[in-house]
Amino acid sequence: TMNCPNDRYVNDAAICQAVSANLAR
């Protein structure tokens, strides 16, 4: 499980989604 804010940093949730997709590969 990865914890991430969605209203703190610039595009924080989108960054975590990209990281998740990278790791899935």
PDB file of all heavy atoms in Angstrom:
ATOM      1  N   THR A   1       0.847  -1.196   0.000  1.00  0.00           N
ATOM      2  CA  THR A   1       0.000   0.000   0.000  1.00  0.00           C
ATOM      3  C   THR A   1       0.884   1.248   0.000  1.00  0.00           C
ATOM      4  O   THR A   1       1.885   1.318   0.705  1.00  0.00           O
ATOM      5  CB  THR A   1      -0.917   0.020   1.239  1.00  0.00           C
ATOM      6  OG1 THR A   1      -1.811  -1.097   1.167  1.00  0.00           O
ATOM      7  CG2 THR A   1      -1.731   1.309   1.303  1.00  0.00           C
ATOM      8  N   MET A   2       0.476   2.231  -0.795  1.00  0.00           N
ATOM      9  CA  MET A   2       1.202   3.504  -0.884  1.00  0.00           C
ATOM     10  C   MET A   2       0.283   4.629  -0.410  1.00  0.00           C
ATOM     11  O   MET A   2      -0.858   4.738  -0.859  1.00  0.00           O
ATOM     12  CB  MET A   2       1.649   3.771  -2.314  1.00  0.00           C
ATOM     13  CG  MET A   2       2.401   5.073  -2.494  1.00  0.00           C
ATOM     14  SD  MET A   2       2.851   5.326  -4.235  1.00  0.00           S
ATOM     15  CE  MET A   2       3.911   6.779  -4.098  1.00  0.00           C
ATOM     16  N   ASN A   3       0.780   5.457   0.499  1.00  0.00           N
ATOM     17  CA  ASN A   3       0.029   6.608   0.998  1.00  0.00           C
ATOM     18  C   ASN A   3       0.474   7.878   0.298  1.00  0.00           C
ATOM     19  O   ASN A   3       1.670   8.129   0.157  1.00  0.00           O
ATOM     20  CB  ASN A   3       0.214   6.754   2.501  1.00  0.00           C
ATOM     21  CG  ASN A   3      -0.333   5.567   3.263  1.00  0.00           C
ATOM     22  OD1 ASN A   3       0.428   4.745   3.766  1.00  0.00           O
ATOM     23  ND2 ASN A   3      -1.643   5.433   3.343  1.00  0.00           N
ATOM     24  N   CYS A   4      -0.507   8.662  -0.100  1.00  0.00           N
ATOM     25  CA  CYS A   4      -0.210   9.855  -0.897  1.00  0.00           C
ATOM     26  C   CYS A   4      -1.289  10.902  -0.649  1.00  0.00           C
ATOM     27  O   CYS A   4      -2.464  10.577  -0.520  1.00  0.00           O
ATOM     28  CB  CYS A   4      -0.192   9.448  -2.374  1.00  0.00           C
ATOM     29  SG  CYS A   4       0.161  10.775  -3.526  1.00  0.00           S
ATOM     30  N   PRO A   5      -0.923  12.184  -0.571  1.00  0.00           N
ATOM     31  CA  PRO A   5      -1.954  13.234  -0.484  1.00  0.00           C
ATOM     32  C   PRO A   5      -2.504  13.543  -1.871  1.00  0.00           C
ATOM     33  O   PRO A   5      -1.858  13.270  -2.889  1.00  0.00           O
ATOM     34  CB  PRO A   5      -1.177  14.425   0.075  1.00  0.00           C
ATOM     35  CG  PRO A   5       0.210  14.231  -0.460  1.00  0.00           C
ATOM     36  CD  PRO A   5       0.443  12.747  -0.515  1.00  0.00           C
ATOM     37  N   ASN A   6      -3.682  14.117  -1.918  1.00  0.00           N
ATOM     38  CA  ASN A   6      -4.230  14.535  -3.216  1.00  0.00           C
ATOM     39  C   ASN A   6      -4.524  16.027  -3.256  1.00  0.00           C
ATOM     40  O   ASN A   6      -5.131  16.525  -4.206  1.00  0.00           O
ATOM     41  CB  ASN A   6      -5.485  13.738  -3.565  1.00  0.00           C
ATOM     42  CG  ASN A   6      -6.598  13.886  -2.537  1.00  0.00           C
ATOM     43  OD1 ASN A   6      -6.594  14.801  -1.720  1.00  0.00           O
ATOM     44  ND2 ASN A   6      -7.559  12.969  -2.560  1.00  0.00           N
ATOM     45  N   ASP A   7      -4.056  16.763  -2.213  1.00  0.00           N
ATOM     46  CA  ASP A   7      -4.318  18.202  -2.177  1.00  0.00           C
ATOM     47  C   ASP A   7      -3.183  18.966  -1.502  1.00  0.00           C
ATOM     48  O   ASP A   7      -3.404  20.010  -0.903  1.00  0.00           O
ATOM     49  CB  ASP A   7      -5.640  18.495  -1.465  1.00  0.00           C
ATOM     50  CG  ASP A   7      -5.698  17.943  -0.039  1.00  0.00           C
ATOM     51  OD1 ASP A   7      -4.708  17.320   0.406  1.00  0.00           O
ATOM     52  OD2 ASP A   7      -6.730  18.131   0.631  1.00  0.00           O
ATOM     53  N   ARG A   8      -1.964  18.431  -1.597  1.00  0.00           N
ATOM     54  CA  ARG A   8      -0.844  19.097  -0.937  1.00  0.00           C
ATOM     55  C   ARG A   8       0.220  19.574  -1.902  1.00  0.00           C
ATOM     56  O   ARG A   8       0.608  20.738  -1.901  1.00  0.00           O
ATOM     57  CB  ARG A   8      -0.219  18.170   0.127  1.00  0.00           C
ATOM     58  CG  ARG A   8       0.988  18.791   0.830  1.00  0.00           C
ATOM     59  CD  ARG A   8       0.592  20.103   1.507  1.00  0.00           C
ATOM     60  NE  ARG A   8       1.727  20.950   1.852  1.00  0.00           N
ATOM     61  CZ  ARG A   8       2.173  21.969   1.142  1.00  0.00           C
ATOM     62  NH1 ARG A   8       1.594  22.273  -0.019  1.00  0.00           N
ATOM     63  NH2 ARG A   8       3.179  22.713   1.554  1.00  0.00           N
ATOM     64  N   TYR A   9       0.752  18.685  -2.740  1.00  0.00           N
ATOM     65  CA  TYR A   9       1.830  19.034  -3.660  1.00  0.00           C
ATOM     66  C   TYR A   9       1.288  19.138  -5.089  1.00  0.00           C
ATOM     67  O   TYR A   9       0.174  18.695  -5.377  1.00  0.00           O
ATOM     68  CB  TYR A   9       2.948  17.994  -3.582  1.00  0.00           C
ATOM     69  CG  TYR A   9       3.382  17.682  -2.171  1.00  0.00           C
ATOM     70  CD1 TYR A   9       3.191  16.415  -1.614  1.00  0.00           C
ATOM     71  CD2 TYR A   9       3.951  18.662  -1.367  1.00  0.00           C
ATOM     72  CE1 TYR A   9       3.568  16.136  -0.307  1.00  0.00           C
ATOM     73  CE2 TYR A   9       4.330  18.396  -0.059  1.00  0.00           C
ATOM     74  CZ  TYR A   9       4.136  17.129   0.470  1.00  0.00           C
ATOM     75  OH  TYR A   9       4.502  16.860   1.772  1.00  0.00           O
ATOM     76  N   VAL A  10       2.072  19.692  -5.974  1.00  0.00           N
ATOM     77  CA  VAL A  10       1.630  19.855  -7.358  1.00  0.00           C
ATOM     78  C   VAL A  10       1.437  18.474  -7.997  1.00  0.00           C
ATOM     79  O   VAL A  10       2.373  17.681  -8.068  1.00  0.00           O
ATOM     80  CB  VAL A  10       2.646  20.682  -8.170  1.00  0.00           C
ATOM     81  CG1 VAL A  10       2.202  20.768  -9.630  1.00  0.00           C
ATOM     82  CG2 VAL A  10       2.800  22.078  -7.573  1.00  0.00           C
ATOM     83  N   ASN A  11       0.203  18.202  -8.399  1.00  0.00           N
ATOM     84  CA  ASN A  11      -0.147  16.933  -9.054  1.00  0.00           C
ATOM     85  C   ASN A  11       0.271  15.718  -8.233  1.00  0.00           C
ATOM     86  O   ASN A  11       0.702  14.697  -8.773  1.00  0.00           O
ATOM     87  CB  ASN A  11       0.475  16.859 -10.449  1.00  0.00           C
ATOM     88  CG  ASN A  11      -0.209  17.791 -11.441  1.00  0.00           C
ATOM     89  OD1 ASN A  11      -1.297  18.298 -11.179  1.00  0.00           O
ATOM     90  ND2 ASN A  11       0.422  18.030 -12.567  1.00  0.00           N
ATOM     91  N   ASP A  12       0.128  15.819  -6.912  1.00  0.00           N
ATOM     92  CA  ASP A  12       0.609  14.749  -6.038  1.00  0.00           C
ATOM     93  C   ASP A  12      -0.030  13.393  -6.330  1.00  0.00           C
ATOM     94  O   ASP A  12       0.667  12.381  -6.492  1.00  0.00           O
ATOM     95  CB  ASP A  12       0.444  15.123  -4.564  1.00  0.00           C
ATOM     96  CG  ASP A  12      -0.860  15.834  -4.240  1.00  0.00           C
ATOM     97  OD1 ASP A  12      -1.798  15.763  -5.061  1.00  0.00           O
ATOM     98  OD2 ASP A  12      -0.935  16.460  -3.161  1.00  0.00           O
ATOM     99  N   ALA A  13      -1.364  13.349  -6.422  1.00  0.00           N
ATOM    100  CA  ALA A  13      -2.031  12.073  -6.679  1.00  0.00           C
ATOM    101  C   ALA A  13      -1.660  11.516  -8.050  1.00  0.00           C
ATOM    102  O   ALA A  13      -1.478  10.297  -8.213  1.00  0.00           O
ATOM    103  CB  ALA A  13      -3.541  12.240  -6.564  1.00  0.00           C
ATOM    104  N   ALA A  14      -1.527  12.406  -9.036  1.00  0.00           N
ATOM    105  CA  ALA A  14      -1.166  11.951 -10.383  1.00  0.00           C
ATOM    106  C   ALA A  14       0.256  11.383 -10.414  1.00  0.00           C
ATOM    107  O   ALA A  14       0.536  10.421 -11.127  1.00  0.00           O
ATOM    108  CB  ALA A  14      -1.293  13.108 -11.383  1.00  0.00           C
ATOM    109  N   ILE A  15       1.149  11.978  -9.620  1.00  0.00           N
ATOM    110  CA  ILE A  15       2.510  11.439  -9.520  1.00  0.00           C
ATOM    111  C   ILE A  15       2.470  10.031  -8.935  1.00  0.00           C
ATOM    112  O   ILE A  15       3.112   9.101  -9.437  1.00  0.00           O
ATOM    113  CB  ILE A  15       3.394  12.354  -8.644  1.00  0.00           C
ATOM    114  CG1 ILE A  15       3.615  13.704  -9.318  1.00  0.00           C
ATOM    115  CG2 ILE A  15       4.746  11.684  -8.360  1.00  0.00           C
ATOM    116  CD1 ILE A  15       4.237  14.745  -8.396  1.00  0.00           C
ATOM    117  N   CYS A  16       1.698   9.859  -7.869  1.00  0.00           N
ATOM    118  CA  CYS A  16       1.607   8.549  -7.231  1.00  0.00           C
ATOM    119  C   CYS A  16       0.956   7.525  -8.153  1.00  0.00           C
ATOM    120  O   CYS A  16       1.326   6.341  -8.146  1.00  0.00           O
ATOM    121  CB  CYS A  16       0.835   8.661  -5.922  1.00  0.00           C
ATOM    122  SG  CYS A  16       1.748   9.562  -4.642  1.00  0.00           S
ATOM    123  N   GLN A  17      -0.002   7.951  -8.962  1.00  0.00           N
ATOM    124  CA  GLN A  17      -0.605   7.046  -9.939  1.00  0.00           C
ATOM    125  C   GLN A  17       0.426   6.609 -10.980  1.00  0.00           C
ATOM    126  O   GLN A  17       0.471   5.435 -11.376  1.00  0.00           O
ATOM    127  CB  GLN A  17      -1.785   7.736 -10.620  1.00  0.00           C
ATOM    128  CG  GLN A  17      -2.994   7.916  -9.711  1.00  0.00           C
ATOM    129  CD  GLN A  17      -4.019   8.875 -10.279  1.00  0.00           C
ATOM    130  OE1 GLN A  17      -3.822   9.459 -11.355  1.00  0.00           O
ATOM    131  NE2 GLN A  17      -5.119   9.065  -9.558  1.00  0.00           N
ATOM    132  N   ALA A  18       1.284   7.548 -11.406  1.00  0.00           N
ATOM    133  CA  ALA A  18       2.328   7.204 -12.376  1.00  0.00           C
ATOM    134  C   ALA A  18       3.345   6.249 -11.764  1.00  0.00           C
ATOM    135  O   ALA A  18       3.786   5.290 -12.421  1.00  0.00           O
ATOM    136  CB  ALA A  18       3.022   8.478 -12.858  1.00  0.00           C
ATOM    137  N   VAL A  19       3.715   6.499 -10.501  1.00  0.00           N
ATOM    138  CA  VAL A  19       4.640   5.596  -9.802  1.00  0.00           C
ATOM    139  C   VAL A  19       4.037   4.202  -9.698  1.00  0.00           C
ATOM    140  O   VAL A  19       4.702   3.191  -9.933  1.00  0.00           O
ATOM    141  CB  VAL A  19       4.986   6.154  -8.406  1.00  0.00           C
ATOM    142  CG1 VAL A  19       5.697   5.099  -7.564  1.00  0.00           C
ATOM    143  CG2 VAL A  19       5.856   7.399  -8.525  1.00  0.00           C
ATOM    144  N   SER A  20       2.771   4.139  -9.362  1.00  0.00           N
ATOM    145  CA  SER A  20       2.081   2.857  -9.242  1.00  0.00           C
ATOM    146  C   SER A  20       2.090   2.100 -10.559  1.00  0.00           C
ATOM    147  O   SER A  20       2.316   0.877 -10.591  1.00  0.00           O
ATOM    148  CB  SER A  20       0.635   3.071  -8.767  1.00  0.00           C
ATOM    149  OG  SER A  20       0.600   3.711  -7.519  1.00  0.00           O
ATOM    150  N   ALA A  21       1.839   2.823 -11.651  1.00  0.00           N
ATOM    151  CA  ALA A  21       1.846   2.190 -12.977  1.00  0.00           C
ATOM    152  C   ALA A  21       3.239   1.693 -13.334  1.00  0.00           C
ATOM    153  O   ALA A  21       3.394   0.597 -13.909  1.00  0.00           O
ATOM    154  CB  ALA A  21       1.339   3.182 -14.022  1.00  0.00           C
ATOM    155  N   ASN A  22       4.259   2.484 -13.023  1.00  0.00           N
ATOM    156  CA  ASN A  22       5.647   2.070 -13.280  1.00  0.00           C
ATOM    157  C   ASN A  22       5.979   0.788 -12.527  1.00  0.00           C
ATOM    158  O   ASN A  22       6.573  -0.157 -13.080  1.00  0.00           O
ATOM    159  CB  ASN A  22       6.618   3.154 -12.856  1.00  0.00           C
ATOM    160  CG  ASN A  22       6.642   4.374 -13.765  1.00  0.00           C
ATOM    161  OD1 ASN A  22       7.111   5.431 -13.379  1.00  0.00           O
ATOM    162  ND2 ASN A  22       6.120   4.241 -14.980  1.00  0.00           N
ATOM    163  N   LEU A  23       5.609   0.733 -11.266  1.00  0.00           N
ATOM    164  CA  LEU A  23       5.926  -0.434 -10.433  1.00  0.00           C
ATOM    165  C   LEU A  23       5.147  -1.659 -10.877  1.00  0.00           C
ATOM    166  O   LEU A  23       5.634  -2.796 -10.772  1.00  0.00           O
ATOM    167  CB  LEU A  23       5.650  -0.117  -8.967  1.00  0.00           C
ATOM    168  CG  LEU A  23       6.621   0.878  -8.320  1.00  0.00           C
ATOM    169  CD1 LEU A  23       6.134   1.317  -6.946  1.00  0.00           C
ATOM    170  CD2 LEU A  23       8.022   0.263  -8.201  1.00  0.00           C
ATOM    171  N   ALA A  24       3.937  -1.457 -11.394  1.00  0.00           N
ATOM    172  CA  ALA A  24       3.139  -2.590 -11.886  1.00  0.00           C
ATOM    173  C   ALA A  24       3.854  -3.307 -13.021  1.00  0.00           C
ATOM    174  O   ALA A  24       3.742  -4.535 -13.166  1.00  0.00           O
ATOM    175  CB  ALA A  24       1.767  -2.098 -12.343  1.00  0.00           C
ATOM    176  N   ARG A  25       4.616  -2.556 -13.802  1.00  0.00           N
ATOM    177  CA  ARG A  25       5.316  -3.150 -14.946  1.00  0.00           C
ATOM    178  C   ARG A  25       6.459  -4.074 -14.531  1.00  0.00           C
ATOM    179  O   ARG A  25       6.950  -4.856 -15.334  1.00  0.00           O
ATOM    180  CB  ARG A  25       5.843  -2.046 -15.867  1.00  0.00           C
ATOM    181  CG  ARG A  25       4.733  -1.227 -16.520  1.00  0.00           C
ATOM    182  CD  ARG A  25       5.267  -0.307 -17.610  1.00  0.00           C
ATOM    183  NE  ARG A  25       4.203   0.497 -18.175  1.00  0.00           N
ATOM    184  CZ  ARG A  25       3.949   1.759 -17.850  1.00  0.00           C
ATOM    185  NH1 ARG A  25       4.708   2.360 -16.938  1.00  0.00           N
ATOM    186  NH2 ARG A  25       2.960   2.411 -18.414  1.00  0.00           N
TER     187      ARG A  25
END
